[in-house]
C-alpha atoms as a PDB file:
ATOM      1  CA  MET A   1     -98.489   1.380 -43.552  1.00  0.00           C
ATOM      2  CA  PRO A   2     -95.567  -0.009 -41.801  1.00  0.00           C
ATOM      3  CA  ALA A   3     -96.898  -4.072 -41.720  1.00  0.00           C
ATOM      4  CA  VAL A   4     -94.708  -5.156 -38.266  1.00  0.00           C
ATOM      5  CA  THR A   5     -95.989  -2.034 -34.919  1.00  0.00           C
ATOM      6  CA  VAL A   6     -97.301  -2.500 -31.988  1.00  0.00           C
ATOM      7  CA  ASP A   7     -99.667  -0.830 -29.424  1.00  0.00           C
ATOM      8  CA  ASN A   8     -97.999   0.752 -27.026  1.00  0.00           C
ATOM      9  CA  PRO A   9     -94.402   1.533 -28.232  1.00  0.00           C
ATOM     10  CA  LEU A  10     -93.904   2.229 -24.254  1.00  0.00           C
ATOM     11  CA  THR A  11     -93.845  -2.046 -23.688  1.00  0.00           C
ATOM     12  CA  LEU A  12     -89.819  -2.143 -25.843  1.00  0.00           C
ATOM     13  CA  PRO A  13     -86.714  -1.239 -25.153  1.00  0.00           C
ATOM     14  CA  ARG A  14     -86.057   2.511 -25.549  1.00  0.00           C
ATOM     15  CA  VAL A  15     -82.759   4.118 -27.006  1.00  0.00           C
ATOM     16  CA  THR A  16     -80.616   6.814 -25.996  1.00  0.00           C
ATOM     17  CA  ALA A  17     -78.501   8.878 -27.679  1.00  0.00           C
ATOM     18  CA  PRO A  18     -75.537   9.767 -24.681  1.00  0.00           C
ATOM     19  CA  ALA A  19     -75.270  12.906 -23.292  1.00  0.00           C
ATOM     20  CA  GLY A  20     -72.893  15.463 -25.016  1.00  0.00           C
ATOM     21  CA  ALA A  21     -72.195  13.105 -28.148  1.00  0.00           C
ATOM     22  CA  PRO A  22     -71.762  15.761 -31.197  1.00  0.00           C
ATOM     23  CA  ALA A  23     -74.717  16.224 -32.938  1.00  0.00           C
ATOM     24  CA  ARG A  24     -74.876  15.154 -37.107  1.00  0.00           C
ATOM     25  CA  PRO A  25     -75.324  18.095 -38.754  1.00  0.00           C
ATOM     26  CA  VAL A  26     -77.509  18.235 -42.250  1.00  0.00           C
ATOM     27  CA  LEU A  27     -74.911  18.867 -45.471  1.00  0.00           C
ATOM     28  CA  ALA A  28     -77.999  17.897 -47.862  1.00  0.00           C
ATOM     29  CA  VAL A  29     -81.164  17.802 -48.909  1.00  0.00           C
ATOM     30  CA  THR A  30     -81.978  15.939 -52.124  1.00  0.00           C
ATOM     31  CA  THR A  31     -85.300  15.064 -53.465  1.00  0.00           C
ATOM     32  CA  ALA A  32     -85.649  11.600 -55.210  1.00  0.00           C
ATOM     33  CA  PRO A  33     -86.418  11.906 -58.967  1.00  0.00           C
ATOM     34  CA  SER A  34     -89.461   9.168 -60.602  1.00  0.00           C
ATOM     35  CA  GLY A  35     -89.050   6.897 -63.064  1.00  0.00           C
ATOM     36  CA  PHE A  36     -89.354   3.257 -63.795  1.00  0.00           C
ATOM     37  CA  GLU A  37     -87.492  -0.473 -62.863  1.00  0.00           C
ATOM     38  CA  GLY A  38     -88.269  -3.534 -64.751  1.00  0.00           C
ATOM     39  CA  GLU A  39     -91.193  -4.524 -66.806  1.00  0.00           C
ATOM     40  CA  GLY A  40     -92.306  -1.361 -65.330  1.00  0.00           C
ATOM     41  CA  PHE A  41     -93.488  -0.101 -61.547  1.00  0.00           C
ATOM     42  CA  PRO A  42     -92.850   3.332 -60.208  1.00  0.00           C
ATOM     43  CA  VAL A  43     -89.465   3.883 -58.550  1.00  0.00           C
ATOM     44  CA  ARG A  44     -88.213   6.773 -57.095  1.00  0.00           C
ATOM     45  CA  ARG A  45     -84.623   7.041 -56.736  1.00  0.00           C
ATOM     46  CA  ALA A  46     -83.750   8.000 -53.502  1.00  0.00           C
ATOM     47  CA  PHE A  47     -79.927   8.715 -53.817  1.00  0.00           C
ATOM     48  CA  ALA A  48     -79.687  10.378 -57.146  1.00  0.00           C
ATOM     49  CA  GLY A  49     -77.489  13.452 -57.882  1.00  0.00           C
ATOM     50  CA  ILE A  50     -76.190  12.495 -54.140  1.00  0.00           C
ATOM     51  CA  ASP A  51     -72.072  12.596 -54.054  1.00  0.00           C
ATOM     52  CA  TYR A  52     -70.791   8.860 -54.104  1.00  0.00           C
ATOM     53  CA  ARG A  53     -68.485   9.770 -51.080  1.00  0.00           C
ATOM     54  CA  HIS A  54     -71.876  10.726 -48.199  1.00  0.00           C
ATOM     55  CA  LEU A  55     -72.964   7.019 -50.055  1.00  0.00           C
ATOM     56  CA  ASP A  56     -70.175   4.591 -50.232  1.00  0.00           C
ATOM     57  CA  PRO A  57     -70.796   2.074 -49.167  1.00  0.00           C
ATOM     58  CA  PHE A  58     -74.269   2.092 -50.271  1.00  0.00           C
ATOM     59  CA  ILE A  59     -74.773   2.368 -54.099  1.00  0.00           C
ATOM     60  CA  MET A  60     -78.346   2.882 -54.717  1.00  0.00           C
ATOM     61  CA  MET A  61     -82.148   2.593 -53.198  1.00  0.00           C
ATOM     62  CA  ASP A  62     -85.184   3.245 -55.466  1.00  0.00           C
ATOM     63  CA  GLN A  63     -88.275   3.680 -52.980  1.00  0.00           C
ATOM     64  CA  MET A  64     -90.932   1.095 -55.025  1.00  0.00           C
ATOM     65  CA  GLY A  65     -94.790   2.206 -55.106  1.00  0.00           C
ATOM     66  CA  GLU A  66     -96.526   3.282 -52.864  1.00  0.00           C
ATOM     67  CA  VAL A  67     -98.719   1.788 -55.953  1.00  0.00           C
ATOM     68  CA  ASP A  68    -102.508   0.569 -55.604  1.00  0.00           C
ATOM     69  CA  TYR A  69    -102.207  -1.913 -58.384  1.00  0.00           C
ATOM     70  CA  ALA A  70    -105.463  -2.221 -60.381  1.00  0.00           C
ATOM     71  CA  ALA A  71    -106.537  -6.342 -61.627  1.00  0.00           C
ATOM     72  CA  GLY A  72    -103.600  -7.191 -64.181  1.00  0.00           C
ATOM     73  CA  GLU A  73    -101.352  -4.618 -62.986  1.00  0.00           C
ATOM     74  CA  PRO A  74     -98.609  -4.797 -61.194  1.00  0.00           C
ATOM     75  CA  LYS A  75     -95.503  -6.131 -61.988  1.00  0.00           C
ATOM     76  CA  GLY A  76     -92.075  -7.146 -61.357  1.00  0.00           C
ATOM     77  CA  THR A  77     -88.423  -7.994 -63.409  1.00  0.00           C
ATOM     78  CA  PRO A  78     -88.020 -10.140 -65.982  1.00  0.00           C
ATOM     79  CA  TRP A  79     -84.347 -12.282 -65.096  1.00  0.00           C
ATOM     80  CA  HIS A  80     -81.699 -11.157 -64.753  1.00  0.00           C
ATOM     81  CA  PRO A  81     -77.835 -11.464 -63.689  1.00  0.00           C
ATOM     82  CA  HIS A  82     -75.482  -9.388 -60.358  1.00  0.00           C
ATOM     83  CA  ARG A  83     -72.414  -9.824 -59.231  1.00  0.00           C
ATOM     84  CA  GLY A  84     -70.234  -7.645 -56.590  1.00  0.00           C
ATOM     85  CA  PHE A  85     -72.618  -6.532 -53.793  1.00  0.00           C
ATOM     86  CA  GLU A  86     -76.043  -7.184 -51.923  1.00  0.00           C
ATOM     87  CA  THR A  87     -79.709  -5.867 -52.794  1.00  0.00           C
ATOM     88  CA  VAL A  88     -82.251  -5.972 -49.992  1.00  0.00           C
ATOM     89  CA  THR A  89     -85.020  -5.768 -50.520  1.00  0.00           C
ATOM     90  CA  TYR A  90     -87.882  -4.707 -47.842  1.00  0.00           C
ATOM     91  CA  LEU A  91     -91.372  -4.709 -48.980  1.00  0.00           C
ATOM     92  CA  ILE A  92     -93.750  -2.919 -46.473  1.00  0.00           C
ATOM     93  CA  ASP A  93     -96.914  -3.268 -48.289  1.00  0.00           C
ATOM     94  CA  GLY A  94     -97.947  -6.304 -50.957  1.00  0.00           C
ATOM     95  CA  SER A  95     -96.235  -9.338 -51.621  1.00  0.00           C
ATOM     96  CA  PHE A  96     -93.279 -10.350 -53.910  1.00  0.00           C
ATOM     97  CA  ILE A  97     -91.379 -13.545 -55.006  1.00  0.00           C
ATOM     98  CA  HIS A  98     -87.973 -13.950 -55.455  1.00  0.00           C
ATOM     99  CA  GLN A  99     -85.819 -16.815 -57.405  1.00  0.00           C
ATOM    100  CA  ASP A 100     -81.945 -17.153 -58.480  1.00  0.00           C
ATOM    101  CA  SER A 101     -79.859 -18.995 -59.909  1.00  0.00           C
ATOM    102  CA  ASN A 102     -78.063 -20.446 -57.095  1.00  0.00           C
ATOM    103  CA  GLY A 103     -81.285 -21.288 -55.473  1.00  0.00           C
ATOM    104  CA  GLY A 104     -82.557 -19.412 -52.885  1.00  0.00           C
ATOM    105  CA  GLY A 105     -85.504 -18.363 -52.752  1.00  0.00           C
ATOM    106  CA  GLY A 106     -89.161 -17.468 -50.810  1.00  0.00           C
ATOM    107  CA  THR A 107     -92.455 -15.001 -50.988  1.00  0.00           C
ATOM    108  CA  ILE A 108     -91.741 -11.124 -48.841  1.00  0.00           C
ATOM    109  CA  LYS A 109     -94.788  -9.392 -47.891  1.00  0.00           C
ATOM    110  CA  ASN A 110     -95.694  -6.693 -44.956  1.00  0.00           C
ATOM    111  CA  GLY A 111     -92.461  -6.363 -43.480  1.00  0.00           C
ATOM    112  CA  ASP A 112     -90.189  -8.624 -44.627  1.00  0.00           C
ATOM    113  CA  THR A 113     -86.904  -8.031 -46.262  1.00  0.00           C
ATOM    114  CA  GLN A 114     -85.212 -10.448 -49.101  1.00  0.00           C
ATOM    115  CA  TRP A 115     -80.945 -10.138 -48.741  1.00  0.00           C
ATOM    116  CA  MET A 116     -79.379 -11.344 -51.348  1.00  0.00           C
ATOM    117  CA  THR A 117     -75.594 -11.485 -51.920  1.00  0.00           C
ATOM    118  CA  ALA A 118     -74.462 -11.717 -55.543  1.00  0.00           C
ATOM    119  CA  GLY A 119     -70.665 -12.499 -54.798  1.00  0.00           C
ATOM    120  CA  SER A 120     -69.418 -13.724 -57.986  1.00  0.00           C
ATOM    121  CA  GLY A 121     -72.583 -14.209 -59.865  1.00  0.00           C
ATOM    122  CA  LEU A 122     -75.738 -15.077 -60.031  1.00  0.00           C
ATOM    123  CA  LEU A 123     -79.133 -14.687 -62.141  1.00  0.00           C
ATOM    124  CA  HIS A 124     -82.701 -14.102 -60.135  1.00  0.00           C
ATOM    125  CA  ILE A 125     -86.048 -12.468 -60.721  1.00  0.00           C
ATOM    126  CA  GLU A 126     -88.837 -10.408 -59.030  1.00  0.00           C
ATOM    127  CA  ALA A 127     -91.864 -11.194 -59.850  1.00  0.00           C
ATOM    128  CA  PRO A 128     -95.849 -10.341 -57.957  1.00  0.00           C
ATOM    129  CA  PRO A 129     -97.408 -13.458 -57.171  1.00  0.00           C
ATOM    130  CA  GLU A 130     -99.958 -14.524 -58.897  1.00  0.00           C
ATOM    131  CA  ALA A 131    -102.768 -13.914 -56.520  1.00  0.00           C
ATOM    132  CA  LEU A 132    -101.778 -10.530 -56.550  1.00  0.00           C
ATOM    133  CA  VAL A 133    -102.132  -9.933 -59.908  1.00  0.00           C
ATOM    134  CA  MET A 134    -104.988 -11.211 -60.266  1.00  0.00           C
ATOM    135  CA  SER A 135    -106.616  -9.478 -57.972  1.00  0.00           C
ATOM    136  CA  GLY A 136    -104.205  -5.881 -57.355  1.00  0.00           C
ATOM    137  CA  GLY A 137    -103.033  -4.395 -54.329  1.00  0.00           C
ATOM    138  CA  LEU A 138    -101.140  -1.700 -52.364  1.00  0.00           C
ATOM    139  CA  PHE A 139     -97.206  -2.240 -53.417  1.00  0.00           C
ATOM    140  CA  HIS A 140     -95.197  -0.102 -51.772  1.00  0.00           C
ATOM    141  CA  GLY A 141     -91.602  -1.073 -50.959  1.00  0.00           C
ATOM    142  CA  LEU A 142     -87.696  -0.614 -51.073  1.00  0.00           C
ATOM    143  CA  GLN A 143     -85.054  -2.261 -52.567  1.00  0.00           C
ATOM    144  CA  LEU A 144     -81.137  -1.340 -51.587  1.00  0.00           C
ATOM    145  CA  TRP A 145     -77.835  -1.958 -53.424  1.00  0.00           C
ATOM    146  CA  VAL A 146     -75.103  -2.367 -50.597  1.00  0.00           C
ATOM    147  CA  ASN A 147     -71.461  -2.348 -52.345  1.00  0.00           C
ATOM    148  CA  LEU A 148     -69.212  -5.400 -51.447  1.00  0.00           C
ATOM    149  CA  PRO A 149     -65.203  -4.390 -50.008  1.00  0.00           C
ATOM    150  CA  ALA A 150     -62.282  -5.752 -53.282  1.00  0.00           C
ATOM    151  CA  ALA A 151     -62.008  -9.219 -50.514  1.00  0.00           C
ATOM    152  CA  ASP A 152     -65.813 -10.194 -50.905  1.00  0.00           C
ATOM    153  CA  LYS A 153     -66.895  -9.344 -54.433  1.00  0.00           C
ATOM    154  CA  MET A 154     -66.312 -12.770 -55.533  1.00  0.00           C
ATOM    155  CA  MET A 155     -67.673 -14.909 -52.894  1.00  0.00           C
ATOM    156  CA  ALA A 156     -69.763 -17.648 -52.908  1.00  0.00           C
ATOM    157  CA  PRO A 157     -73.376 -15.889 -53.170  1.00  0.00           C
ATOM    158  CA  ARG A 158     -75.935 -16.235 -50.204  1.00  0.00           C
ATOM    159  CA  TYR A 159     -79.839 -15.562 -49.306  1.00  0.00           C
ATOM    160  CA  GLN A 160     -81.153 -14.238 -46.479  1.00  0.00           C
ATOM    161  CA  ASP A 161     -84.861 -14.753 -45.517  1.00  0.00           C
ATOM    162  CA  ILE A 162     -85.924 -11.852 -43.126  1.00  0.00           C
ATOM    163  CA  ARG A 163     -89.538 -12.374 -41.523  1.00  0.00           C
ATOM    164  CA  GLY A 164     -91.006  -8.741 -40.606  1.00  0.00           C
ATOM    165  CA  GLY A 165     -91.236 -10.525 -36.774  1.00  0.00           C
ATOM    166  CA  GLN A 166     -87.383 -11.034 -36.583  1.00  0.00           C
ATOM    167  CA  VAL A 167     -86.655  -7.184 -36.861  1.00  0.00           C
ATOM    168  CA  GLN A 168     -85.313  -5.611 -33.399  1.00  0.00           C
ATOM    169  CA  LEU A 169     -88.337  -3.377 -32.075  1.00  0.00           C
ATOM    170  CA  LEU A 170     -87.909  -0.207 -30.093  1.00  0.00           C
ATOM    171  CA  THR A 171     -88.655   3.546 -29.292  1.00  0.00           C
ATOM    172  CA  SER A 172     -87.757   6.862 -28.114  1.00  0.00           C
ATOM    173  CA  PRO A 173     -87.764   7.533 -24.365  1.00  0.00           C
ATOM    174  CA  ASP A 174     -91.551   9.075 -24.809  1.00  0.00           C
ATOM    175  CA  GLY A 175     -93.010   6.136 -26.932  1.00  0.00           C
ATOM    176  CA  GLY A 176     -92.854   8.769 -29.148  1.00  0.00           C
ATOM    177  CA  ALA A 177     -91.065   6.807 -31.834  1.00  0.00           C
ATOM    178  CA  LEU A 178     -91.531   2.616 -33.201  1.00  0.00           C
ATOM    179  CA  LEU A 179     -88.038   1.320 -34.491  1.00  0.00           C
ATOM    180  CA  ARG A 180     -87.703  -1.526 -36.965  1.00  0.00           C
ATOM    181  CA  VAL A 181     -83.775  -2.277 -36.991  1.00  0.00           C
ATOM    182  CA  ILE A 182     -83.178  -4.370 -39.690  1.00  0.00           C
ATOM    183  CA  ALA A 183     -79.328  -4.812 -40.238  1.00  0.00           C
ATOM    184  CA  GLY A 184     -77.153  -3.510 -37.777  1.00  0.00           C
ATOM    185  CA  GLU A 185     -76.187  -2.710 -34.549  1.00  0.00           C
ATOM    186  CA  LEU A 186     -78.073   0.591 -33.073  1.00  0.00           C
ATOM    187  CA  ASP A 187     -76.818   1.203 -29.078  1.00  0.00           C
ATOM    188  CA  GLY A 188     -76.830  -2.792 -28.299  1.00  0.00           C
ATOM    189  CA  HIS A 189     -79.719  -3.922 -30.136  1.00  0.00           C
ATOM    190  CA  GLU A 190     -78.908  -6.247 -33.039  1.00  0.00           C
ATOM    191  CA  GLY A 191     -81.150  -6.969 -35.960  1.00  0.00           C
ATOM    192  CA  PRO A 192     -81.481  -9.873 -37.973  1.00  0.00           C
ATOM    193  CA  GLY A 193     -79.713  -9.307 -40.816  1.00  0.00           C
ATOM    194  CA  ILE A 194     -76.437 -10.197 -41.503  1.00  0.00           C
ATOM    195  CA  THR A 195     -73.772  -7.926 -43.321  1.00  0.00           C
ATOM    196  CA  HIS A 196     -70.796  -8.548 -44.383  1.00  0.00           C
ATOM    197  CA  THR A 197     -69.907  -4.327 -45.298  1.00  0.00           C
ATOM    198  CA  PRO A 198     -70.642  -2.947 -41.605  1.00  0.00           C
ATOM    199  CA  ILE A 199     -74.329  -1.468 -41.764  1.00  0.00           C
ATOM    200  CA  THR A 200     -77.842  -0.143 -40.010  1.00  0.00           C
ATOM    201  CA  MET A 201     -80.651  -0.210 -41.272  1.00  0.00           C
ATOM    202  CA  VAL A 202     -83.633   1.276 -39.582  1.00  0.00           C
ATOM    203  CA  HIS A 203     -87.333   2.368 -40.532  1.00  0.00           C
ATOM    204  CA  ALA A 204     -88.714   4.173 -38.448  1.00  0.00           C
ATOM    205  CA  THR A 205     -92.250   5.822 -37.567  1.00  0.00           C
ATOM    206  CA  LEU A 206     -92.465   9.409 -36.210  1.00  0.00           C
ATOM    207  CA  ARG A 207     -95.982  10.740 -34.374  1.00  0.00           C
ATOM    208  CA  PRO A 208     -96.524  14.068 -35.862  1.00  0.00           C
ATOM    209  CA  GLY A 209     -94.886  16.076 -33.783  1.00  0.00           C
ATOM    210  CA  ALA A 210     -92.124  13.233 -31.699  1.00  0.00           C
ATOM    211  CA  GLU A 211     -88.931  13.818 -32.307  1.00  0.00           C
ATOM    212  CA  LEU A 212     -86.191  10.754 -32.099  1.00  0.00           C
ATOM    213  CA  THR A 213     -82.163  11.076 -31.884  1.00  0.00           C
ATOM    214  CA  LEU A 214     -80.080   8.583 -31.641  1.00  0.00           C
ATOM    215  CA  PRO A 215     -76.612   7.650 -30.991  1.00  0.00           C
ATOM    216  CA  TRP A 216     -74.825   6.917 -34.561  1.00  0.00           C
ATOM    217  CA  ARG A 217     -71.731   5.764 -34.566  1.00  0.00           C
ATOM    218  CA  GLU A 218     -69.118   7.745 -35.860  1.00  0.00           C
ATOM    219  CA  ASP A 219     -67.888   6.404 -37.694  1.00  0.00           C
ATOM    220  CA  PHE A 220     -70.606   5.594 -40.144  1.00  0.00           C
ATOM    221  CA  ASN A 221     -72.074   7.877 -42.722  1.00  0.00           C
ATOM    222  CA  GLY A 222     -75.454   9.272 -41.767  1.00  0.00           C
ATOM    223  CA  LEU A 223     -79.108   9.397 -44.483  1.00  0.00           C
ATOM    224  CA  ALA A 224     -82.562   9.629 -43.089  1.00  0.00           C
ATOM    225  CA  TYR A 225     -84.972   8.875 -46.197  1.00  0.00           C
ATOM    226  CA  VAL A 226     -88.924  10.101 -45.920  1.00  0.00           C
ATOM    227  CA  LEU A 227     -90.651   7.603 -46.686  1.00  0.00           C
ATOM    228  CA  ALA A 228     -94.425   9.279 -46.422  1.00  0.00           C
ATOM    229  CA  GLY A 229     -94.771  12.021 -43.626  1.00  0.00           C
ATOM    230  CA  ARG A 230     -93.511  15.452 -43.697  1.00  0.00           C
ATOM    231  CA  GLY A 231     -90.557  16.811 -40.489  1.00  0.00           C
ATOM    232  CA  THR A 232     -87.325  18.174 -39.768  1.00  0.00           C
ATOM    233  CA  ALA A 233     -83.102  16.913 -39.612  1.00  0.00           C
ATOM    234  CA  GLY A 234     -80.744  17.333 -37.970  1.00  0.00           C
ATOM    235  CA  THR A 235     -80.777  20.204 -34.762  1.00  0.00           C
ATOM    236  CA  ASP A 236     -81.225  22.742 -37.419  1.00  0.00           C
ATOM    237  CA  ARG A 237     -84.653  21.793 -38.482  1.00  0.00           C
ATOM    238  CA  ARG A 238     -83.841  21.405 -42.457  1.00  0.00           C
ATOM    239  CA  PRO A 239     -87.197  20.788 -43.171  1.00  0.00           C
ATOM    240  CA  VAL A 240     -87.419  17.092 -45.589  1.00  0.00           C
ATOM    241  CA  HIS A 241     -90.436  15.735 -47.238  1.00  0.00           C
ATOM    242  CA  THR A 242     -92.032  12.206 -48.980  1.00  0.00           C
ATOM    243  CA  GLY A 243     -89.143  11.350 -50.974  1.00  0.00           C
ATOM    244  CA  GLN A 244     -85.952  13.800 -49.907  1.00  0.00           C
ATOM    245  CA  THR A 245     -83.444  12.218 -48.360  1.00  0.00           C
ATOM    246  CA  ALA A 246     -81.605  14.462 -45.698  1.00  0.00           C
ATOM    247  CA  VAL A 247     -77.479  13.921 -45.387  1.00  0.00           C
ATOM    248  CA  PHE A 248     -76.005  14.062 -42.511  1.00  0.00           C
ATOM    249  CA  GLY A 249     -72.454  14.860 -41.602  1.00  0.00           C
ATOM    250  CA  ALA A 250     -69.622  13.536 -39.006  1.00  0.00           C
ATOM    251  CA  GLY A 251     -71.294  13.076 -35.259  1.00  0.00           C
ATOM    252  CA  GLY A 252     -71.942  11.035 -32.894  1.00  0.00           C
ATOM    253  CA  THR A 253     -75.914  11.976 -33.064  1.00  0.00           C
ATOM    254  CA  ILE A 254     -78.695  11.791 -35.995  1.00  0.00           C
ATOM    255  CA  THR A 255     -81.622  13.324 -35.273  1.00  0.00           C
ATOM    256  CA  VAL A 256     -85.398  13.831 -37.125  1.00  0.00           C
ATOM    257  CA  ARG A 257     -88.189  14.883 -35.653  1.00  0.00           C
ATOM    258  CA  ALA A 258     -92.547  14.726 -37.537  1.00  0.00           C
ATOM    259  CA  ASP A 259     -94.372  17.862 -38.194  1.00  0.00           C
ATOM    260  CA  GLU A 260     -97.077  18.224 -36.122  1.00  0.00           C
ATOM    261  CA  SER A 261     -99.289  18.451 -38.523  1.00  0.00           C
ATOM    262  CA  GLN A 262     -98.914  15.373 -41.083  1.00  0.00           C
ATOM    263  CA  ASP A 263    -101.708  15.141 -44.291  1.00  0.00           C
ATOM    264  CA  SER A 264    -104.732  12.572 -43.552  1.00  0.00           C
ATOM    265  CA  ASN A 265    -103.421   9.770 -45.721  1.00  0.00           C
ATOM    266  CA  THR A 266    -100.017   9.707 -44.278  1.00  0.00           C
ATOM    267  CA  PRO A 267    -100.327  10.246 -40.320  1.00  0.00           C
ATOM    268  CA  ASP A 268     -97.182   9.968 -39.178  1.00  0.00           C
ATOM    269  CA  LEU A 269     -93.454  10.314 -40.549  1.00  0.00           C
ATOM    270  CA  GLU A 270     -92.091   7.278 -42.005  1.00  0.00           C
ATOM    271  CA  VAL A 271     -88.365   6.980 -42.590  1.00  0.00           C
ATOM    272  CA  VAL A 272     -85.660   5.149 -43.181  1.00  0.00           C
ATOM    273  CA  LEU A 273     -81.923   5.576 -41.478  1.00  0.00           C
ATOM    274  CA  LEU A 274     -79.240   4.492 -43.026  1.00  0.00           C
ATOM    275  CA  GLY A 275     -75.216   3.933 -42.310  1.00  0.00           C
ATOM    276  CA  GLY A 276     -72.664   2.218 -42.799  1.00  0.00           C
ATOM    277  CA  ARG A 277     -68.388   2.321 -43.103  1.00  0.00           C
ATOM    278  CA  PRO A 278     -67.250   3.145 -45.875  1.00  0.00           C
ATOM    279  CA  ILE A 279     -65.099   1.279 -48.417  1.00  0.00           C
ATOM    280  CA  ARG A 280     -63.357   3.523 -49.469  1.00  0.00           C
ATOM    281  CA  GLU A 281     -62.150   1.791 -53.158  1.00  0.00           C
ATOM    282  CA  PRO A 282     -62.440   2.275 -56.638  1.00  0.00           C
ATOM    283  CA  MET A 283     -65.867   1.549 -57.959  1.00  0.00           C
ATOM    284  CA  ALA A 284     -66.737   0.564 -61.663  1.00  0.00           C
ATOM    285  CA  GLN A 285     -70.503   0.008 -62.520  1.00  0.00           C
ATOM    286  CA  TYR A 286     -72.156  -1.204 -65.671  1.00  0.00           C
ATOM    287  CA  GLY A 287     -75.772  -1.703 -65.100  1.00  0.00           C
ATOM    288  CA  PRO A 288     -76.151  -5.061 -62.777  1.00  0.00           C
ATOM    289  CA  PHE A 289     -72.117  -5.756 -62.018  1.00  0.00           C
ATOM    290  CA  VAL A 290     -70.342  -3.411 -59.398  1.00  0.00           C
ATOM    291  CA  MET A 291     -67.065  -4.251 -59.258  1.00  0.00           C
ATOM    292  CA  ASN A 292     -63.039  -2.553 -58.650  1.00  0.00           C
ATOM    293  CA  SER A 293     -62.121  -2.015 -62.391  1.00  0.00           C
ATOM    294  CA  GLN A 294     -63.195  -2.169 -65.944  1.00  0.00           C
ATOM    295  CA  ALA A 295     -61.379  -5.045 -66.970  1.00  0.00           C
ATOM    296  CA  GLU A 296     -63.577  -6.173 -64.191  1.00  0.00           C
ATOM    297  CA  LEU A 297     -66.413  -5.290 -65.229  1.00  0.00           C
ATOM    298  CA  LYS A 298     -65.613  -6.552 -68.865  1.00  0.00           C
ATOM    299  CA  GLN A 299     -65.196 -10.291 -66.663  1.00  0.00           C
ATOM    300  CA  ALA A 300     -68.598  -9.729 -65.327  1.00  0.00           C
ATOM    301  CA  PHE A 301     -69.814  -8.797 -68.492  1.00  0.00           C
ATOM    302  CA  ASP A 302     -68.061 -12.100 -70.614  1.00  0.00           C
ATOM    303  CA  ASP A 303     -68.941 -14.098 -67.883  1.00  0.00           C
ATOM    304  CA  PHE A 304     -72.265 -13.347 -67.676  1.00  0.00           C
ATOM    305  CA  GLN A 305     -72.734 -14.601 -71.943  1.00  0.00           C
ATOM    306  CA  ALA A 306     -70.690 -17.315 -71.770  1.00  0.00           C
ATOM    307  CA  GLY A 307     -73.469 -18.234 -69.442  1.00  0.00           C
ATOM    308  CA  ARG A 308     -70.766 -18.568 -65.839  1.00  0.00           C
ATOM    309  CA  LEU A 309     -73.252 -16.322 -64.113  1.00  0.00           C
ATOM    310  CA  GLY A 310     -76.252 -19.043 -63.526  1.00  0.00           C
ATOM    311  CA  THR A 311     -78.723 -20.317 -65.926  1.00  0.00           C
ATOM    312  CA  VAL A 312     -82.700 -19.803 -65.591  1.00  0.00           C
ATOM    313  CA  PRO A 313     -83.755 -23.302 -63.817  1.00  0.00           C
ATOM    314  CA  ALA A 314     -85.629 -25.103 -66.418  1.00  0.00           C
ATOM    315  CA  ALA A 315     -89.606 -23.998 -65.729  1.00  0.00           C
ATOM    316  CA  HIS A 316     -88.754 -20.528 -66.279  1.00  0.00           C
ATOM    317  CA  ALA A 317     -86.714 -20.663 -69.415  1.00  0.00           C
END
């Protein structure tokens, strides 16, 4: 980890925080509980225990793995519905196949992202390819759910296939951090992901002892989730480690720092930085449906039961 990297980060554009911009304080650090999803693959629930007012427009995020499967062990999810939001699956190691009832789909691996706008509703499935099931191997990724505002909840579904080579690569002034901008904008540099709800999603790798201070839109919230390693968040250096989320308050910059010493199996600090403009609308959720009212949830469930969210392709029925 990670798959998308460069030999010399100093060849990349550098991100510099503006002088005098107010630093965002760390309001809380939470630890993700572990569980299982789909047919039984292990996850960490990154946002469990965080007040939704600090998450909006994000709904949830699961760290899938990191797990080294034996032959026959890799698992996925069965066909299931979604309505009213977007799912973002970022795969760091391994491979995953997506297919949906709207015709979207593909295989992602090693730094690729699939971005599915469920909108008015569809069915989809995510599963490891047969070759991975047969051989086993390393599997590690993230799935993020991004809410849609009421005006977009019933839009037509859309699928984006983002290859790892398309992400915007940046670095810190001293080259101690490698930044992968998957979606949104950072210091004038745009990621490839097209978003309906304005957000920024960055995967940063910090070498031991490196510090990273990024300009951050003041109308966005700020979250930092540690995929691997140990370090600190904020200018007051709140300790964080694998499976923890730092929740930032208001301000114009975000700071994270890698500890001088890391574990041998995680030589760097790997962190996902997220920010988005809060939607500030009522949210009603029932499993795979995220709407604005209980009546809309009932309609979503009724539409699913009646087959109005699509049907499983004949080859998979």
